[in-house]
PDB file of N, CA and C in Angstrom:
ATOM      1  N   MET A   1       0.845  -1.196   0.000  1.00  0.00           N
ATOM      2  CA  MET A   1       0.000   0.000   0.000  1.00  0.00           C
ATOM      3  C   MET A   1       0.885   1.251   0.000  1.00  0.00           C
ATOM      4  N   PRO A   2       0.548   2.278  -0.820  1.00  0.00           N
ATOM      5  CA  PRO A   2       1.392   3.479  -0.892  1.00  0.00           C
ATOM      6  C   PRO A   2       1.284   4.331   0.377  1.00  0.00           C
ATOM      7  N   LYS A   3       2.278   5.195   0.539  1.00  0.00           N
ATOM      8  CA  LYS A   3       2.291   6.089   1.699  1.00  0.00           C
ATOM      9  C   LYS A   3       1.169   7.117   1.573  1.00  0.00           C
ATOM     10  N   MET A   4       0.700   7.588   2.732  1.00  0.00           N
ATOM     11  CA  MET A   4      -0.326   8.640   2.745  1.00  0.00           C
ATOM     12  C   MET A   4       0.339   9.966   2.400  1.00  0.00           C
ATOM     13  N   LYS A   5      -0.332  10.773   1.596  1.00  0.00           N
ATOM     14  CA  LYS A   5       0.200  12.089   1.250  1.00  0.00           C
ATOM     15  C   LYS A   5      -0.394  13.140   2.179  1.00  0.00           C
ATOM     16  N   THR A   6       0.464  14.025   2.671  1.00  0.00           N
ATOM     17  CA  THR A   6       0.028  15.144   3.501  1.00  0.00           C
ATOM     18  C   THR A   6      -0.630  16.172   2.600  1.00  0.00           C
ATOM     19  N   ASN A   7      -1.740  16.736   3.045  1.00  0.00           N
ATOM     20  CA  ASN A   7      -2.426  17.782   2.300  1.00  0.00           C
ATOM     21  C   ASN A   7      -1.570  19.049   2.342  1.00  0.00           C
ATOM     22  N   SER A   8      -1.186  19.564   1.176  1.00  0.00           N
ATOM     23  CA  SER A   8      -0.266  20.699   1.084  1.00  0.00           C
ATOM     24  C   SER A   8      -0.815  21.968   1.723  1.00  0.00           C
ATOM     25  N   SER A   9      -2.101  22.240   1.535  1.00  0.00           N
ATOM     26  CA  SER A   9      -2.682  23.466   2.097  1.00  0.00           C
ATOM     27  C   SER A   9      -2.745  23.381   3.619  1.00  0.00           C
ATOM     28  N   ALA A  10      -3.034  22.196   4.145  1.00  0.00           N
ATOM     29  CA  ALA A  10      -3.086  22.007   5.603  1.00  0.00           C
ATOM     30  C   ALA A  10      -1.693  22.127   6.210  1.00  0.00           C
ATOM     31  N   LYS A  11      -0.703  21.614   5.501  1.00  0.00           N
ATOM     32  CA  LYS A  11       0.688  21.658   5.956  1.00  0.00           C
ATOM     33  C   LYS A  11       1.153  23.106   6.149  1.00  0.00           C
ATOM     34  N   LYS A  12       0.681  24.008   5.270  1.00  0.00           N
ATOM     35  CA  LYS A  12       1.074  25.414   5.343  1.00  0.00           C
ATOM     36  C   LYS A  12       0.311  26.181   6.430  1.00  0.00           C
ATOM     37  N   ARG A  13      -0.877  25.723   6.786  1.00  0.00           N
ATOM     38  CA  ARG A  13      -1.743  26.482   7.692  1.00  0.00           C
ATOM     39  C   ARG A  13      -1.699  26.065   9.152  1.00  0.00           C
ATOM     40  N   PHE A  14      -1.362  24.807   9.411  1.00  0.00           N
ATOM     41  CA  PHE A  14      -1.415  24.300  10.778  1.00  0.00           C
ATOM     42  C   PHE A  14      -0.061  23.751  11.210  1.00  0.00           C
ATOM     43  N   THR A  15       0.222  23.893  12.518  1.00  0.00           N
ATOM     44  CA  THR A  15       1.419  23.280  13.082  1.00  0.00           C
ATOM     45  C   THR A  15       1.019  22.459  14.292  1.00  0.00           C
ATOM     46  N   LEU A  16       1.745  21.388  14.503  1.00  0.00           N
ATOM     47  CA  LEU A  16       1.472  20.491  15.618  1.00  0.00           C
ATOM     48  C   LEU A  16       2.347  20.886  16.798  1.00  0.00           C
ATOM     49  N   THR A  17       1.749  20.985  17.987  1.00  0.00           N
ATOM     50  CA  THR A  17       2.514  21.311  19.186  1.00  0.00           C
ATOM     51  C   THR A  17       3.095  20.025  19.777  1.00  0.00           C
ATOM     52  N   GLY A  18       3.943  20.177  20.770  1.00  0.00           N
ATOM     53  CA  GLY A  18       4.561  19.029  21.412  1.00  0.00           C
ATOM     54  C   GLY A  18       3.566  18.129  22.113  1.00  0.00           C
ATOM     55  N   SER A  19       2.491  18.730  22.625  1.00  0.00           N
ATOM     56  CA  SER A  19       1.475  17.956  23.349  1.00  0.00           C
ATOM     57  C   SER A  19       0.446  17.325  22.413  1.00  0.00           C
ATOM     58  N   GLY A  20       0.567  17.593  21.100  1.00  0.00           N
ATOM     59  CA  GLY A  20      -0.336  16.974  20.126  1.00  0.00           C
ATOM     60  C   GLY A  20      -1.504  17.845  19.715  1.00  0.00           C
ATOM     61  N   LYS A  21      -1.559  19.073  20.239  1.00  0.00           N
ATOM     62  CA  LYS A  21      -2.632  19.992  19.838  1.00  0.00           C
ATOM     63  C   LYS A  21      -2.254  20.639  18.510  1.00  0.00           C
ATOM     64  N   ILE A  22      -3.234  21.242  17.851  1.00  0.00           N
ATOM     65  CA  ILE A  22      -2.976  21.881  16.562  1.00  0.00           C
ATOM     66  C   ILE A  22      -3.087  23.387  16.714  1.00  0.00           C
ATOM     67  N   LYS A  23      -2.028  24.076  16.266  1.00  0.00           N
ATOM     68  CA  LYS A  23      -1.956  25.524  16.359  1.00  0.00           C
ATOM     69  C   LYS A  23      -2.367  26.114  15.015  1.00  0.00           C
ATOM     70  N   ARG A  24      -3.142  27.204  15.052  1.00  0.00           N
ATOM     71  CA  ARG A  24      -3.597  27.837  13.818  1.00  0.00           C
ATOM     72  C   ARG A  24      -3.531  29.355  13.959  1.00  0.00           C
ATOM     73  N   LYS A  25      -3.594  30.042  12.835  1.00  0.00           N
ATOM     74  CA  LYS A  25      -3.639  31.499  12.841  1.00  0.00           C
ATOM     75  C   LYS A  25      -5.084  31.962  12.784  1.00  0.00           C
ATOM     76  N   HIS A  26      -5.312  33.197  13.203  1.00  0.00           N
ATOM     77  CA  HIS A  26      -6.648  33.780  13.124  1.00  0.00           C
ATOM     78  C   HIS A  26      -6.936  34.247  11.702  1.00  0.00           C
ATOM     79  N   ALA A  27      -8.195  34.233  11.341  1.00  0.00           N
ATOM     80  CA  ALA A  27      -8.622  34.752  10.036  1.00  0.00           C
ATOM     81  C   ALA A  27      -8.820  36.271  10.145  1.00  0.00           C
ATOM     82  N   PHE A  28      -9.126  36.912   9.031  1.00  0.00           N
ATOM     83  CA  PHE A  28      -9.455  38.344   8.952  1.00  0.00           C
ATOM     84  C   PHE A  28      -8.274  39.270   9.247  1.00  0.00           C
ATOM     85  N   LYS A  29      -7.057  38.841   8.947  1.00  0.00           N
ATOM     86  CA  LYS A  29      -5.908  39.722   9.177  1.00  0.00           C
ATOM     87  C   LYS A  29      -5.071  39.905   7.910  1.00  0.00           C
ATOM     88  N   SER A  30      -5.634  39.617   6.737  1.00  0.00           N
ATOM     89  CA  SER A  30      -4.826  39.700   5.521  1.00  0.00           C
ATOM     90  C   SER A  30      -5.040  40.985   4.721  1.00  0.00           C
ATOM     91  N   HIS A  31      -6.244  41.491   4.678  1.00  0.00           N
ATOM     92  CA  HIS A  31      -6.506  42.728   3.929  1.00  0.00           C
ATOM     93  C   HIS A  31      -7.723  43.434   4.513  1.00  0.00           C
ATOM     94  N   ILE A  32      -8.012  44.627   3.982  1.00  0.00           N
ATOM     95  CA  ILE A  32      -9.070  45.530   4.499  1.00  0.00           C
ATOM     96  C   ILE A  32      -8.830  45.779   5.995  1.00  0.00           C
ATOM     97  N   LEU A  33      -7.609  46.196   6.308  1.00  0.00           N
ATOM     98  CA  LEU A  33      -7.237  46.405   7.708  1.00  0.00           C
ATOM     99  C   LEU A  33      -7.484  47.836   8.190  1.00  0.00           C
ATOM    100  N   THR A  34      -7.796  48.741   7.269  1.00  0.00           N
ATOM    101  CA  THR A  34      -7.960  50.146   7.664  1.00  0.00           C
ATOM    102  C   THR A  34      -9.195  50.370   8.531  1.00  0.00           C
ATOM    103  N   LYS A  35     -10.239  49.598   8.304  1.00  0.00           N
ATOM    104  CA  LYS A  35     -11.472  49.775   9.089  1.00  0.00           C
ATOM    105  C   LYS A  35     -11.469  49.010  10.408  1.00  0.00           C
ATOM    106  N   LYS A  36     -10.429  48.195  10.631  1.00  0.00           N
ATOM    107  CA  LYS A  36     -10.336  47.438  11.882  1.00  0.00           C
ATOM    108  C   LYS A  36      -9.521  48.231  12.895  1.00  0.00           C
ATOM    109  N   THR A  37      -9.907  48.112  14.152  1.00  0.00           N
ATOM    110  CA  THR A  37      -9.221  48.857  15.212  1.00  0.00           C
ATOM    111  C   THR A  37      -7.861  48.234  15.510  1.00  0.00           C
ATOM    112  N   LYS A  38      -7.004  49.022  16.190  1.00  0.00           N
ATOM    113  CA  LYS A  38      -5.677  48.523  16.570  1.00  0.00           C
ATOM    114  C   LYS A  38      -5.807  47.301  17.473  1.00  0.00           C
ATOM    115  N   LYS A  39      -6.753  47.376  18.386  1.00  0.00           N
ATOM    116  CA  LYS A  39      -6.973  46.280  19.342  1.00  0.00           C
ATOM    117  C   LYS A  39      -7.379  45.003  18.610  1.00  0.00           C
ATOM    118  N   GLN A  40      -8.271  45.157  17.636  1.00  0.00           N
ATOM    119  CA  GLN A  40      -8.751  44.014  16.854  1.00  0.00           C
ATOM    120  C   GLN A  40      -7.596  43.350  16.113  1.00  0.00           C
ATOM    121  N   LYS A  41      -6.774  44.176  15.436  1.00  0.00           N
ATOM    122  CA  LYS A  41      -5.647  43.651  14.668  1.00  0.00           C
ATOM    123  C   LYS A  41      -4.597  43.009  15.574  1.00  0.00           C
ATOM    124  N   ARG A  42      -4.374  43.602  16.721  1.00  0.00           N
ATOM    125  CA  ARG A  42      -3.405  43.064  17.686  1.00  0.00           C
ATOM    126  C   ARG A  42      -3.844  41.696  18.209  1.00  0.00           C
ATOM    127  N   ASN A  43      -5.130  41.564  18.506  1.00  0.00           N
ATOM    128  CA  ASN A  43      -5.653  40.297  19.011  1.00  0.00           C
ATOM    129  C   ASN A  43      -5.675  39.207  17.943  1.00  0.00           C
ATOM    130  N   LEU A  44      -5.779  39.581  16.674  1.00  0.00           N
ATOM    131  CA  LEU A  44      -5.763  38.607  15.586  1.00  0.00           C
ATOM    132  C   LEU A  44      -4.344  38.120  15.270  1.00  0.00           C
ATOM    133  N   THR A  45      -3.331  38.825  15.784  1.00  0.00           N
ATOM    134  CA  THR A  45      -1.940  38.464  15.522  1.00  0.00           C
ATOM    135  C   THR A  45      -1.564  37.152  16.200  1.00  0.00           C
ATOM    136  N   HIS A  46      -2.090  36.912  17.397  1.00  0.00           N
ATOM    137  CA  HIS A  46      -1.700  35.755  18.196  1.00  0.00           C
ATOM    138  C   HIS A  46      -2.228  34.449  17.596  1.00  0.00           C
ATOM    139  N   PHE A  47      -1.537  33.379  17.913  1.00  0.00           N
ATOM    140  CA  PHE A  47      -1.965  32.055  17.480  1.00  0.00           C
ATOM    141  C   PHE A  47      -3.104  31.554  18.354  1.00  0.00           C
ATOM    142  N   ALA A  48      -3.885  30.631  17.823  1.00  0.00           N
ATOM    143  CA  ALA A  48      -4.990  30.019  18.566  1.00  0.00           C
ATOM    144  C   ALA A  48      -4.872  28.509  18.425  1.00  0.00           C
ATOM    145  N   MET A  49      -5.543  27.802  19.304  1.00  0.00           N
ATOM    146  CA  MET A  49      -5.564  26.342  19.217  1.00  0.00           C
ATOM    147  C   MET A  49      -6.812  25.896  18.465  1.00  0.00           C
ATOM    148  N   MET A  50      -6.671  24.820  17.723  1.00  0.00           N
ATOM    149  CA  MET A  50      -7.789  24.276  16.967  1.00  0.00           C
ATOM    150  C   MET A  50      -8.815  23.675  17.928  1.00  0.00           C
ATOM    151  N   ASP A  51     -10.102  23.844  17.631  1.00  0.00           N
ATOM    152  CA  ASP A  51     -11.164  23.283  18.462  1.00  0.00           C
ATOM    153  C   ASP A  51     -11.115  21.761  18.420  1.00  0.00           C
ATOM    154  N   LYS A  52     -11.588  21.134  19.499  1.00  0.00           N
ATOM    155  CA  LYS A  52     -11.597  19.664  19.605  1.00  0.00           C
ATOM    156  C   LYS A  52     -12.366  19.012  18.461  1.00  0.00           C
ATOM    157  N   VAL A  53     -13.499  19.626  18.058  1.00  0.00           N
ATOM    158  CA  VAL A  53     -14.348  19.021  17.019  1.00  0.00           C
ATOM    159  C   VAL A  53     -13.653  18.974  15.658  1.00  0.00           C
ATOM    160  N   ASP A  54     -12.738  19.922  15.397  1.00  0.00           N
ATOM    161  CA  ASP A  54     -12.050  19.977  14.112  1.00  0.00           C
ATOM    162  C   ASP A  54     -10.702  19.269  14.124  1.00  0.00           C
ATOM    163  N   GLU A  55     -10.202  18.952  15.323  1.00  0.00           N
ATOM    164  CA  GLU A  55      -8.871  18.369  15.453  1.00  0.00           C
ATOM    165  C   GLU A  55      -8.691  17.080  14.661  1.00  0.00           C
ATOM    166  N   LYS A  56      -9.670  16.174  14.753  1.00  0.00           N
ATOM    167  CA  LYS A  56      -9.588  14.875  14.079  1.00  0.00           C
ATOM    168  C   LYS A  56      -9.479  15.048  12.559  1.00  0.00           C
ATOM    169  N   ARG A  57     -10.256  15.969  12.015  1.00  0.00           N
ATOM    170  CA  ARG A  57     -10.271  16.220  10.576  1.00  0.00           C
ATOM    171  C   ARG A  57      -8.920  16.768  10.095  1.00  0.00           C
ATOM    172  N   VAL A  58      -8.370  17.710  10.854  1.00  0.00           N
ATOM    173  CA  VAL A  58      -7.098  18.326  10.465  1.00  0.00           C
ATOM    174  C   VAL A  58      -5.945  17.331  10.612  1.00  0.00           C
ATOM    175  N   LYS A  59      -5.983  16.517  11.661  1.00  0.00           N
ATOM    176  CA  LYS A  59      -4.929  15.513  11.851  1.00  0.00           C
ATOM    177  C   LYS A  59      -4.923  14.497  10.711  1.00  0.00           C
ATOM    178  N   LYS A  60      -6.088  14.211  10.170  1.00  0.00           N
ATOM    179  CA  LYS A  60      -6.182  13.301   9.025  1.00  0.00           C
ATOM    180  C   LYS A  60      -5.520  13.927   7.798  1.00  0.00           C
ATOM    181  N   LEU A  61      -5.705  15.226   7.608  1.00  0.00           N
ATOM    182  CA  LEU A  61      -5.089  15.927   6.480  1.00  0.00           C
ATOM    183  C   LEU A  61      -3.564  15.984   6.643  1.00  0.00           C
ATOM    184  N   LEU A  62      -3.100  16.084   7.903  1.00  0.00           N
ATOM    185  CA  LEU A  62      -1.677  16.165   8.172  1.00  0.00           C
ATOM    186  C   LEU A  62      -1.021  14.784   8.295  1.00  0.00           C
ATOM    187  N   CYS A  63      -1.814  13.727   8.187  1.00  0.00           N
ATOM    188  CA  CYS A  63      -1.349  12.334   8.325  1.00  0.00           C
ATOM    189  C   CYS A  63      -0.691  12.101   9.676  1.00  0.00           C
ATOM    190  N   VAL A  64      -1.370  12.579  10.722  1.00  0.00           N
ATOM    191  CA  VAL A  64      -0.895  12.403  12.103  1.00  0.00           C
ATOM    192  C   VAL A  64      -1.925  11.573  12.842  1.00  0.00           C
ATOM    193  N   LYS A  65      -1.450  10.667  13.699  1.00  0.00           N
ATOM    194  CA  LYS A  65      -2.382   9.840  14.464  1.00  0.00           C
ATOM    195  C   LYS A  65      -2.748  10.500  15.764  1.00  0.00           C
TER     196      LYS A  65
END
């Protein structure tokens, strides 16, 4: 049986932490930033953890058990 291929788009968007959680970036920080407040943009800068319900799906794309 051939090896599983990692999904390229998922590989670029998510990183796996040491404890096995999935780290992701916030959305809404790429363009149309003039109408957003400084506080809003600052809070979107930080990384977030993937929700439990989505973790299984993303781990499958990353070929992680």
